[in-house]
C-alpha cells in the first residue's frame, strides 16, 4: 500500500501526525516553532541522508542590493 497525502505546509503535516495519521519528516525549526499544543513526539534523524546542506543562491552575488549583501555577509561568517 502506497499512500501519499498533501498538507498545507509543515504545520498541517504536524497536525495530521498529532491526530494519528502516521509519521512525517519535517525540519527541526518547524517542530520548534509550531508544535505548541500538539501531542506528538519527535526524534532527530542521525543518518547521513537526514543531514541537510543549505546553500545560498543568487543570480549574481556582486549585483545584490546593500540589504541582501548584508544578509549574505551575516550568514556566511565563519
C-alpha atoms as a PDB file:
ATOM      1  CA  UNK A   1       0.000   0.000   0.000  1.00  0.00           C
ATOM      2  CA  UNK A   2       1.473   3.330  -1.036  1.00  0.00           C
ATOM      3  CA  UNK A   3      -0.419   6.331   0.264  1.00  0.00           C
ATOM      4  CA  UNK A   4       0.541   9.971  -0.245  1.00  0.00           C
ATOM      5  CA  UNK A   5      -1.181  12.858   1.425  1.00  0.00           C
ATOM      6  CA  UNK A   6      -0.681  16.554   0.768  1.00  0.00           C
ATOM      7  CA  UNK A   7      -0.854  19.019   3.603  1.00  0.00           C
ATOM      8  CA  UNK A   8      -0.771  22.785   3.761  1.00  0.00           C
ATOM      9  CA  UNK A   9       2.830  23.251   4.920  1.00  0.00           C
ATOM     10  CA  UNK A  10       4.660  21.763   7.867  1.00  0.00           C
ATOM     11  CA  UNK A  11       2.031  22.982  10.334  1.00  0.00           C
ATOM     12  CA  UNK A  12      -0.599  20.930   8.528  1.00  0.00           C
ATOM     13  CA  UNK A  13       1.673  17.886   8.469  1.00  0.00           C
ATOM     14  CA  UNK A  14       2.298  18.120  12.202  1.00  0.00           C
ATOM     15  CA  UNK A  15      -1.437  18.490  12.919  1.00  0.00           C
ATOM     16  CA  UNK A  16      -2.085  15.325  10.896  1.00  0.00           C
ATOM     17  CA  UNK A  17       0.617  13.430  12.802  1.00  0.00           C
ATOM     18  CA  UNK A  18      -0.777  14.664  16.130  1.00  0.00           C
ATOM     19  CA  UNK A  19      -4.167  13.250  15.109  1.00  0.00           C
ATOM     20  CA  UNK A  20      -2.686   9.827  14.324  1.00  0.00           C
ATOM     21  CA  UNK A  21      -2.295  10.000  10.542  1.00  0.00           C
ATOM     22  CA  UNK A  22       1.148   8.380  10.593  1.00  0.00           C
ATOM     23  CA  UNK A  23       4.564   9.953  10.674  1.00  0.00           C
ATOM     24  CA  UNK A  24       6.395  12.701   8.838  1.00  0.00           C
ATOM     25  CA  UNK A  25       9.849  14.122   8.261  1.00  0.00           C
ATOM     26  CA  UNK A  26       9.916  17.859   8.942  1.00  0.00           C
ATOM     27  CA  UNK A  27      12.673  20.387   9.686  1.00  0.00           C
ATOM     28  CA  UNK A  28      13.648  20.861  13.327  1.00  0.00           C
ATOM     29  CA  UNK A  29      12.782  24.548  13.049  1.00  0.00           C
ATOM     30  CA  UNK A  30       9.187  23.662  12.116  1.00  0.00           C
ATOM     31  CA  UNK A  31       8.820  21.423  15.169  1.00  0.00           C
ATOM     32  CA  UNK A  32      10.323  24.047  17.486  1.00  0.00           C
ATOM     33  CA  UNK A  33       8.144  26.796  16.020  1.00  0.00           C
ATOM     34  CA  UNK A  34       4.821  25.045  15.591  1.00  0.00           C
ATOM     35  CA  UNK A  35       4.390  22.154  17.998  1.00  0.00           C
ATOM     36  CA  UNK A  36       2.723  24.154  20.778  1.00  0.00           C
ATOM     37  CA  UNK A  37      -0.382  22.366  21.942  1.00  0.00           C
ATOM     38  CA  UNK A  38       0.062  19.402  19.587  1.00  0.00           C
ATOM     39  CA  UNK A  39       0.506  15.930  21.030  1.00  0.00           C
ATOM     40  CA  UNK A  40       3.319  14.104  19.257  1.00  0.00           C
ATOM     41  CA  UNK A  41       6.900  13.038  19.872  1.00  0.00           C
ATOM     42  CA  UNK A  42       9.879  13.845  17.678  1.00  0.00           C
ATOM     43  CA  UNK A  43      13.263  12.228  17.126  1.00  0.00           C
ATOM     44  CA  UNK A  44      16.280  13.790  15.448  1.00  0.00           C
ATOM     45  CA  UNK A  45      17.486  11.872  12.394  1.00  0.00           C
ATOM     46  CA  UNK A  46      21.035  10.555  12.826  1.00  0.00           C
ATOM     47  CA  UNK A  47      21.538   9.050   9.373  1.00  0.00           C
ATOM     48  CA  UNK A  48      23.753  10.898   6.867  1.00  0.00           C
ATOM     49  CA  UNK A  49      20.837  11.315   4.427  1.00  0.00           C
ATOM     50  CA  UNK A  50      18.925  13.167   7.158  1.00  0.00           C
ATOM     51  CA  UNK A  51      21.536  15.905   7.477  1.00  0.00           C
ATOM     52  CA  UNK A  52      20.751  18.934   5.351  1.00  0.00           C
ATOM     53  CA  UNK A  53      23.193  21.010   3.391  1.00  0.00           C
ATOM     54  CA  UNK A  54      21.889  24.519   2.907  1.00  0.00           C
ATOM     55  CA  UNK A  55      23.061  26.762   0.088  1.00  0.00           C
ATOM     56  CA  UNK A  56      22.647  30.448  -0.648  1.00  0.00           C
ATOM     57  CA  UNK A  57      21.732  31.114  -4.258  1.00  0.00           C
ATOM     58  CA  UNK A  58      21.756  34.315  -6.295  1.00  0.00           C
ATOM     59  CA  UNK A  59      21.998  35.154  -9.956  1.00  0.00           C
ATOM     60  CA  UNK A  60      24.970  37.446  -9.258  1.00  0.00           C
ATOM     61  CA  UNK A  61      26.213  37.944  -5.691  1.00  0.00           C
ATOM     62  CA  UNK A  62      28.143  41.065  -6.712  1.00  0.00           C
ATOM     63  CA  UNK A  63      24.944  42.706  -8.026  1.00  0.00           C
ATOM     64  CA  UNK A  64      22.901  42.232  -4.827  1.00  0.00           C
ATOM     65  CA  UNK A  65      21.429  45.347  -3.189  1.00  0.00           C
ATOM     66  CA  UNK A  66      23.020  46.511   0.072  1.00  0.00           C
ATOM     67  CA  UNK A  67      20.500  44.833   2.402  1.00  0.00           C
ATOM     68  CA  UNK A  68      20.940  41.485   0.617  1.00  0.00           C
ATOM     69  CA  UNK A  69      24.743  41.802   0.751  1.00  0.00           C
ATOM     70  CA  UNK A  70      24.478  42.462   4.499  1.00  0.00           C
ATOM     71  CA  UNK A  71      22.378  39.317   4.934  1.00  0.00           C
ATOM     72  CA  UNK A  72      24.809  37.317   2.773  1.00  0.00           C
ATOM     73  CA  UNK A  73      27.714  38.541   4.906  1.00  0.00           C
ATOM     74  CA  UNK A  74      25.916  37.718   8.174  1.00  0.00           C
ATOM     75  CA  UNK A  75      25.011  34.208   7.010  1.00  0.00           C
ATOM     76  CA  UNK A  76      28.481  33.356   5.718  1.00  0.00           C
ATOM     77  CA  UNK A  77      30.573  34.483   8.688  1.00  0.00           C
ATOM     78  CA  UNK A  78      32.879  31.716   9.942  1.00  0.00           C
END
